[in-house]
Amino acid sequence: MAVGKTTEKGAAEVEEGETAAAEKGAKKGPTAEEKGKGVAAEEAGKVVVAYGDTITLKSSDGKPFEVSKEAAARLSERLAQMIASGGCIDGGGIDLDSIGAEALEKVVDYCNKRDPVAAAASGSRSFEFSTAAPSKELEDSDRELVDRLSTDDLFDLVEAADFLKMDGLLDVTCRKIADMMRGKNTAQIREIFNIENDYTMGEEEEVLKEHDWAFGE
């Protein structure tokens, strides 16, 4: 995504415990029998996959990334639909022409941290389904994920999350952008996001006058 080409007139606005409780006597992890069966159902497309299954996602430049099929189907509506419809390339992978390698790597990292098999194997309690509030461990991981990104990479990840319909990741990235804008004036926001001001002086004065309550300048 070329942030430098963004203009104010054309810019789009970027605008969250636990819901599952363990029943008495419920098993904490999948049994050997469950691992051999499809146990995860995604409402979008009714995806059924087995615990431990993985799938390969390929970026726009052909770089492959292996991701938990369970987590991918639960966290991404679009991936769930692709898996259900068999929308895979030869070799059992999914070709994502609109997502670059760097952004896709972050997507896969986000999904794999929410893989129930890895969580069960490690004894971690951090795994949450997409409908549950993230644990403190996952919140810290998400914050670390976006904090180390450049502005361009952050916007690329926003686009990837939006394309894949990953509401959780989209929320994380948009909150980071909101934090970057908080307390900044118009000129500072332009500088942070490399936004070209294509208003004339007269047009800008008129906008500031009409919406002075929002700009606070």
C-alpha atoms as a PDB file:
ATOM      1  CA  MET A   1       0.000   0.000   0.000  1.00  0.00           C
ATOM      2  CA  ALA A   2       1.448   3.357  -1.030  1.00  0.00           C
ATOM      3  CA  VAL A   3       0.567   5.617   1.881  1.00  0.00           C
ATOM      4  CA  GLY A   4       2.316   8.547   0.217  1.00  0.00           C
ATOM      5  CA  LYS A   5      -0.356   8.653  -2.490  1.00  0.00           C
ATOM      6  CA  THR A   6      -3.170   9.086   0.020  1.00  0.00           C
ATOM      7  CA  THR A   7      -4.992  12.424  -0.062  1.00  0.00           C
ATOM      8  CA  GLU A   8      -7.275  13.936   2.541  1.00  0.00           C
ATOM      9  CA  LYS A   9     -10.189  14.082   0.127  1.00  0.00           C
ATOM     10  CA  GLY A  10      -9.792  10.438  -0.802  1.00  0.00           C
ATOM     11  CA  ALA A  11      -8.814   9.064   2.602  1.00  0.00           C
ATOM     12  CA  ALA A  12     -11.176   6.537   4.180  1.00  0.00           C
ATOM     13  CA  GLU A  13     -12.012   6.589   7.890  1.00  0.00           C
ATOM     14  CA  VAL A  14     -10.553   3.882   9.966  1.00  0.00           C
ATOM     15  CA  GLU A  15     -13.010   3.245  12.892  1.00  0.00           C
ATOM     16  CA  GLU A  16     -14.072  -5.304  20.764  1.00  0.00           C
ATOM     17  CA  GLY A  17     -14.677 -12.178  29.239  1.00  0.00           C
ATOM     18  CA  GLU A  18     -14.695 -15.139  27.926  1.00  0.00           C
ATOM     19  CA  THR A  19     -17.973 -16.539  26.534  1.00  0.00           C
ATOM     20  CA  ALA A  20     -17.176 -20.240  26.705  1.00  0.00           C
ATOM     21  CA  ALA A  21     -17.317 -21.955  30.144  1.00  0.00           C
ATOM     22  CA  ALA A  22     -16.068 -25.462  30.836  1.00  0.00           C
ATOM     23  CA  GLU A  23     -18.770 -27.849  31.963  1.00  0.00           C
ATOM     24  CA  LYS A  24     -18.166 -30.014  34.995  1.00  0.00           C
ATOM     25  CA  GLY A  25     -16.031 -32.963  34.003  1.00  0.00           C
ATOM     26  CA  ALA A  26     -15.302 -31.564  30.524  1.00  0.00           C
ATOM     27  CA  LYS A  27     -12.029 -32.561  28.908  1.00  0.00           C
ATOM     28  CA  LYS A  28      -9.397 -29.809  28.756  1.00  0.00           C
ATOM     29  CA  GLY A  29      -7.893 -30.927  25.441  1.00  0.00           C
ATOM     30  CA  PRO A  30      -8.750 -33.033  22.390  1.00  0.00           C
ATOM     31  CA  THR A  31      -8.636 -36.803  22.801  1.00  0.00           C
ATOM     32  CA  ALA A  32      -6.834 -39.056  20.350  1.00  0.00           C
ATOM     33  CA  GLU A  33     -10.213 -39.982  18.881  1.00  0.00           C
ATOM     34  CA  GLU A  34     -11.167 -36.337  18.436  1.00  0.00           C
ATOM     35  CA  LYS A  35      -7.871 -35.566  16.733  1.00  0.00           C
ATOM     36  CA  GLY A  36      -8.765 -38.021  14.010  1.00  0.00           C
ATOM     37  CA  LYS A  37     -12.157 -36.489  13.362  1.00  0.00           C
ATOM     38  CA  GLY A  38     -13.404 -33.176  12.091  1.00  0.00           C
ATOM     39  CA  VAL A  39     -14.292 -31.332  15.269  1.00  0.00           C
ATOM     40  CA  ALA A  40     -14.233 -27.655  14.337  1.00  0.00           C
ATOM     41  CA  ALA A  41     -17.237 -26.218  12.525  1.00  0.00           C
ATOM     42  CA  GLU A  42     -17.245 -22.696  11.125  1.00  0.00           C
ATOM     43  CA  GLU A  43     -20.695 -21.227  10.556  1.00  0.00           C
ATOM     44  CA  ALA A  44     -19.563 -19.502   7.344  1.00  0.00           C
ATOM     45  CA  GLY A  45     -19.461 -22.472   4.967  1.00  0.00           C
ATOM     46  CA  LYS A  46     -19.707 -25.104   7.751  1.00  0.00           C
ATOM     47  CA  VAL A  47     -15.992 -25.847   7.593  1.00  0.00           C
ATOM     48  CA  VAL A  48     -15.021 -29.084   9.319  1.00  0.00           C
ATOM     49  CA  VAL A  49     -11.337 -29.777   9.989  1.00  0.00           C
ATOM     50  CA  ALA A  50      -9.383 -32.105  12.246  1.00  0.00           C
ATOM     51  CA  TYR A  51      -7.285 -30.951  15.170  1.00  0.00           C
ATOM     52  CA  GLY A  52      -3.687 -30.487  14.027  1.00  0.00           C
ATOM     53  CA  ASP A  53      -4.499 -29.921  10.353  1.00  0.00           C
ATOM     54  CA  THR A  54      -2.537 -27.196   8.593  1.00  0.00           C
ATOM     55  CA  ILE A  55      -2.919 -25.440   5.278  1.00  0.00           C
ATOM     56  CA  THR A  56      -0.488 -23.460   3.132  1.00  0.00           C
ATOM     57  CA  LEU A  57      -1.219 -19.839   2.276  1.00  0.00           C
ATOM     58  CA  LYS A  58       0.718 -18.281  -0.615  1.00  0.00           C
ATOM     59  CA  SER A  59       1.407 -14.558  -0.822  1.00  0.00           C
ATOM     60  CA  SER A  60       1.215 -12.435  -3.971  1.00  0.00           C
ATOM     61  CA  ASP A  61       4.877 -13.203  -4.711  1.00  0.00           C
ATOM     62  CA  GLY A  62       4.398 -16.935  -4.183  1.00  0.00           C
ATOM     63  CA  LYS A  63       5.953 -17.256  -0.722  1.00  0.00           C
ATOM     64  CA  PRO A  64       4.304 -20.124   1.233  1.00  0.00           C
ATOM     65  CA  PHE A  65       3.258 -19.956   4.884  1.00  0.00           C
ATOM     66  CA  GLU A  66       1.857 -22.848   6.896  1.00  0.00           C
ATOM     67  CA  VAL A  67      -1.027 -22.011   9.199  1.00  0.00           C
ATOM     68  CA  SER A  68      -3.338 -23.947  11.500  1.00  0.00           C
ATOM     69  CA  LYS A  69      -6.421 -24.747   9.436  1.00  0.00           C
ATOM     70  CA  GLU A  70      -8.491 -24.766  12.637  1.00  0.00           C
ATOM     71  CA  ALA A  71      -7.441 -21.246  13.596  1.00  0.00           C
ATOM     72  CA  ALA A  72      -7.620 -19.903  10.034  1.00  0.00           C
ATOM     73  CA  ALA A  73     -11.190 -21.164   9.569  1.00  0.00           C
ATOM     74  CA  ARG A  74     -12.336 -19.727  12.902  1.00  0.00           C
ATOM     75  CA  LEU A  75     -10.623 -16.346  12.621  1.00  0.00           C
ATOM     76  CA  SER A  76     -11.108 -15.528   8.932  1.00  0.00           C
ATOM     77  CA  GLU A  77     -14.503 -15.659   7.295  1.00  0.00           C
ATOM     78  CA  ARG A  78     -12.955 -15.543   3.826  1.00  0.00           C
ATOM     79  CA  LEU A  79     -10.474 -18.366   4.512  1.00  0.00           C
ATOM     80  CA  ALA A  80     -13.301 -20.447   5.971  1.00  0.00           C
ATOM     81  CA  GLN A  81     -15.266 -19.984   2.755  1.00  0.00           C
ATOM     82  CA  MET A  82     -12.235 -20.826   0.599  1.00  0.00           C
ATOM     83  CA  ILE A  83     -11.515 -23.998   2.574  1.00  0.00           C
ATOM     84  CA  ALA A  84     -15.164 -25.058   2.414  1.00  0.00           C
ATOM     85  CA  SER A  85     -15.435 -24.439  -1.337  1.00  0.00           C
ATOM     86  CA  GLY A  86     -12.122 -26.132  -2.126  1.00  0.00           C
ATOM     87  CA  GLY A  87     -10.684 -22.853  -3.403  1.00  0.00           C
ATOM     88  CA  CYS A  88      -7.112 -24.113  -3.188  1.00  0.00           C
ATOM     89  CA  ILE A  89      -4.232 -24.198  -5.630  1.00  0.00           C
ATOM     90  CA  ASP A  90      -2.372 -27.395  -6.524  1.00  0.00           C
ATOM     91  CA  GLY A  91      -0.652 -28.866  -3.492  1.00  0.00           C
ATOM     92  CA  GLY A  92      -3.471 -28.029  -1.082  1.00  0.00           C
ATOM     93  CA  GLY A  93      -2.677 -24.352  -0.545  1.00  0.00           C
ATOM     94  CA  ILE A  94      -4.630 -21.130  -0.944  1.00  0.00           C
ATOM     95  CA  ASP A  95      -3.297 -18.487  -3.312  1.00  0.00           C
ATOM     96  CA  LEU A  96      -3.746 -14.944  -1.906  1.00  0.00           C
ATOM     97  CA  ASP A  97      -2.761 -12.679  -4.793  1.00  0.00           C
ATOM     98  CA  SER A  98      -3.724  -9.473  -3.001  1.00  0.00           C
ATOM     99  CA  ILE A  99      -1.550  -9.963   0.106  1.00  0.00           C
ATOM    100  CA  GLY A 100       2.211  -9.467   0.194  1.00  0.00           C
ATOM    101  CA  ALA A 101       4.609 -11.788   2.003  1.00  0.00           C
ATOM    102  CA  GLU A 102       5.317  -9.458   4.943  1.00  0.00           C
ATOM    103  CA  ALA A 103       1.641  -8.870   5.700  1.00  0.00           C
ATOM    104  CA  LEU A 104       0.753 -12.544   5.249  1.00  0.00           C
ATOM    105  CA  GLU A 105       3.519 -13.553   7.655  1.00  0.00           C
ATOM    106  CA  LYS A 106       1.880 -11.370  10.338  1.00  0.00           C
ATOM    107  CA  VAL A 107      -1.543 -12.856   9.554  1.00  0.00           C
ATOM    108  CA  VAL A 108      -0.188 -16.384   9.958  1.00  0.00           C
ATOM    109  CA  ASP A 109       1.573 -15.441  13.205  1.00  0.00           C
ATOM    110  CA  TYR A 110      -1.707 -14.037  14.548  1.00  0.00           C
ATOM    111  CA  CYS A 111      -3.596 -17.224  13.620  1.00  0.00           C
ATOM    112  CA  ASN A 112      -1.017 -19.702  14.884  1.00  0.00           C
ATOM    113  CA  LYS A 113      -0.916 -18.025  18.298  1.00  0.00           C
ATOM    114  CA  ARG A 114      -4.599 -18.954  18.530  1.00  0.00           C
ATOM    115  CA  ASP A 115      -4.166 -22.569  17.423  1.00  0.00           C
ATOM    116  CA  PRO A 116      -5.961 -24.849  19.933  1.00  0.00           C
ATOM    117  CA  VAL A 117      -3.620 -27.773  19.263  1.00  0.00           C
ATOM    118  CA  ALA A 118      -0.495 -25.789  20.113  1.00  0.00           C
ATOM    119  CA  ALA A 119      -2.220 -24.411  23.204  1.00  0.00           C
ATOM    120  CA  ALA A 120      -3.287 -27.879  24.371  1.00  0.00           C
ATOM    121  CA  ALA A 121       0.168 -29.337  23.760  1.00  0.00           C
ATOM    122  CA  SER A 122       1.913 -26.570  25.699  1.00  0.00           C
ATOM    123  CA  GLY A 123      -0.666 -26.417  28.486  1.00  0.00           C
ATOM    124  CA  SER A 124      -1.230 -22.740  27.645  1.00  0.00           C
ATOM    125  CA  ARG A 125      -4.525 -21.156  28.623  1.00  0.00           C
ATOM    126  CA  SER A 126      -4.069 -18.321  26.133  1.00  0.00           C
ATOM    127  CA  PHE A 127      -6.111 -19.807  23.279  1.00  0.00           C
ATOM    128  CA  GLU A 128      -9.445 -18.086  22.751  1.00  0.00           C
ATOM    129  CA  PHE A 129     -12.043 -18.525  20.064  1.00  0.00           C
ATOM    130  CA  SER A 130     -12.646 -15.460  17.924  1.00  0.00           C
ATOM    131  CA  THR A 131     -15.829 -14.664  19.844  1.00  0.00           C
ATOM    132  CA  ALA A 132     -14.066 -14.513  23.211  1.00  0.00           C
ATOM    133  CA  ALA A 133     -12.146 -11.655  24.772  1.00  0.00           C
ATOM    134  CA  PRO A 134      -8.391 -12.197  24.280  1.00  0.00           C
ATOM    135  CA  SER A 135      -6.280 -13.177  27.265  1.00  0.00           C
ATOM    136  CA  LYS A 136      -3.651 -10.831  28.698  1.00  0.00           C
ATOM    137  CA  GLU A 137      -0.996 -12.988  27.026  1.00  0.00           C
ATOM    138  CA  LEU A 138      -2.614 -12.610  23.607  1.00  0.00           C
ATOM    139  CA  GLU A 139      -3.237  -8.885  24.099  1.00  0.00           C
ATOM    140  CA  ASP A 140       0.458  -8.377  24.821  1.00  0.00           C
ATOM    141  CA  SER A 141       1.370 -10.459  21.783  1.00  0.00           C
ATOM    142  CA  ASP A 142      -0.989  -8.455  19.554  1.00  0.00           C
ATOM    143  CA  ARG A 143       0.419  -5.177  20.845  1.00  0.00           C
ATOM    144  CA  GLU A 144       3.950  -6.339  20.164  1.00  0.00           C
ATOM    145  CA  LEU A 145       2.921  -7.429  16.668  1.00  0.00           C
ATOM    146  CA  VAL A 146       1.657  -3.997  15.606  1.00  0.00           C
ATOM    147  CA  ASP A 147       4.099  -1.877  17.613  1.00  0.00           C
ATOM    148  CA  ARG A 148       7.058  -3.065  15.579  1.00  0.00           C
ATOM    149  CA  LEU A 149       5.465  -2.268  12.207  1.00  0.00           C
ATOM    150  CA  SER A 150       6.265   0.741  10.040  1.00  0.00           C
ATOM    151  CA  THR A 151       3.310   2.889   8.974  1.00  0.00           C
ATOM    152  CA  ASP A 152       3.293   1.370   5.495  1.00  0.00           C
ATOM    153  CA  ASP A 153       3.410  -2.185   6.887  1.00  0.00           C
ATOM    154  CA  LEU A 154       0.631  -1.367   9.362  1.00  0.00           C
ATOM    155  CA  PHE A 155      -1.664  -0.198   6.569  1.00  0.00           C
ATOM    156  CA  ASP A 156      -0.786  -3.284   4.508  1.00  0.00           C
ATOM    157  CA  LEU A 157      -1.825  -5.437   7.466  1.00  0.00           C
ATOM    158  CA  VAL A 158      -5.086  -3.482   7.799  1.00  0.00           C
ATOM    159  CA  GLU A 159      -5.831  -4.220   4.133  1.00  0.00           C
ATOM    160  CA  ALA A 160      -4.963  -7.900   4.569  1.00  0.00           C
ATOM    161  CA  ALA A 161      -7.188  -8.248   7.654  1.00  0.00           C
ATOM    162  CA  ASP A 162     -10.027  -6.483   5.859  1.00  0.00           C
ATOM    163  CA  PHE A 163      -9.691  -8.681   2.754  1.00  0.00           C
ATOM    164  CA  LEU A 164      -9.615 -11.864   4.841  1.00  0.00           C
ATOM    165  CA  LYS A 165     -12.517 -10.646   7.010  1.00  0.00           C
ATOM    166  CA  MET A 166     -10.504 -11.161  10.189  1.00  0.00           C
ATOM    167  CA  ASP A 167     -12.394  -8.949  12.630  1.00  0.00           C
ATOM    168  CA  GLY A 168     -10.025  -9.592  15.533  1.00  0.00           C
ATOM    169  CA  LEU A 169      -6.864  -8.606  13.636  1.00  0.00           C
ATOM    170  CA  LEU A 170      -8.648  -5.662  12.009  1.00  0.00           C
ATOM    171  CA  ASP A 171      -9.612  -4.397  15.455  1.00  0.00           C
ATOM    172  CA  VAL A 172      -6.008  -4.688  16.681  1.00  0.00           C
ATOM    173  CA  THR A 173      -4.564  -2.776  13.716  1.00  0.00           C
ATOM    174  CA  CYS A 174      -7.223  -0.055  13.702  1.00  0.00           C
ATOM    175  CA  ARG A 175      -6.753   0.541  17.427  1.00  0.00           C
ATOM    176  CA  LYS A 176      -3.038   1.037  16.756  1.00  0.00           C
ATOM    177  CA  ILE A 177      -3.831   3.656  14.098  1.00  0.00           C
ATOM    178  CA  ALA A 178      -6.248   5.389  16.469  1.00  0.00           C
ATOM    179  CA  ASP A 179      -3.519   5.476  19.148  1.00  0.00           C
ATOM    180  CA  MET A 180      -1.118   7.050  16.645  1.00  0.00           C
ATOM    181  CA  MET A 181      -3.661   9.786  15.874  1.00  0.00           C
ATOM    182  CA  ARG A 182      -4.713  10.493  19.446  1.00  0.00           C
ATOM    183  CA  GLY A 183      -3.745  14.003  20.614  1.00  0.00           C
ATOM    184  CA  LYS A 184      -2.277  14.999  17.236  1.00  0.00           C
ATOM    185  CA  ASN A 185      -3.319  18.004  15.190  1.00  0.00           C
ATOM    186  CA  THR A 186      -4.021  17.923  11.447  1.00  0.00           C
ATOM    187  CA  ALA A 187      -0.472  18.780  10.411  1.00  0.00           C
ATOM    188  CA  GLN A 188       1.012  16.110  12.681  1.00  0.00           C
ATOM    189  CA  ILE A 189      -1.374  13.446  11.378  1.00  0.00           C
ATOM    190  CA  ARG A 190      -0.424  14.350   7.797  1.00  0.00           C
ATOM    191  CA  GLU A 191       3.229  13.940   8.670  1.00  0.00           C
ATOM    192  CA  ILE A 192       2.780  10.617  10.523  1.00  0.00           C
ATOM    193  CA  PHE A 193       0.803   9.010   7.716  1.00  0.00           C
ATOM    194  CA  ASN A 194       2.504  10.851   4.841  1.00  0.00           C
ATOM    195  CA  ILE A 195      -0.835  12.267   3.669  1.00  0.00           C
ATOM    196  CA  GLU A 196      -0.769  14.754   0.833  1.00  0.00           C
ATOM    197  CA  ASN A 197      -2.825  17.894   1.476  1.00  0.00           C
ATOM    198  CA  ASP A 198      -4.712  18.484  -1.774  1.00  0.00           C
ATOM    199  CA  TYR A 199      -6.933  21.250  -0.377  1.00  0.00           C
ATOM    200  CA  THR A 200      -6.379  24.808  -1.467  1.00  0.00           C
ATOM    201  CA  MET A 201      -5.836  27.292   1.347  1.00  0.00           C
ATOM    202  CA  GLY A 202      -9.384  28.542   0.943  1.00  0.00           C
ATOM    203  CA  GLU A 203     -10.881  25.043   0.972  1.00  0.00           C
ATOM    204  CA  GLU A 204      -8.936  24.096   4.075  1.00  0.00           C
ATOM    205  CA  GLU A 205     -10.018  27.218   5.941  1.00  0.00           C
ATOM    206  CA  GLU A 206     -13.633  26.473   5.054  1.00  0.00           C
ATOM    207  CA  VAL A 207     -13.398  22.878   6.276  1.00  0.00           C
ATOM    208  CA  LEU A 208     -11.734  23.956   9.533  1.00  0.00           C
ATOM    209  CA  LYS A 209     -14.426  26.561  10.092  1.00  0.00           C
ATOM    210  CA  GLU A 210     -17.278  24.101   9.453  1.00  0.00           C
ATOM    211  CA  HIS A 211     -15.791  21.394  11.661  1.00  0.00           C
ATOM    212  CA  ASP A 212     -13.813  23.345  14.242  1.00  0.00           C
ATOM    213  CA  TRP A 213     -15.352  21.183  17.015  1.00  0.00           C
ATOM    214  CA  ALA A 214     -13.565  18.159  15.583  1.00  0.00           C
ATOM    215  CA  PHE A 215     -10.164  19.650  14.866  1.00  0.00           C
ATOM    216  CA  GLY A 216      -9.725  21.583  18.096  1.00  0.00           C
ATOM    217  CA  GLU A 217      -7.060  23.780  16.545  1.00  0.00           C
END
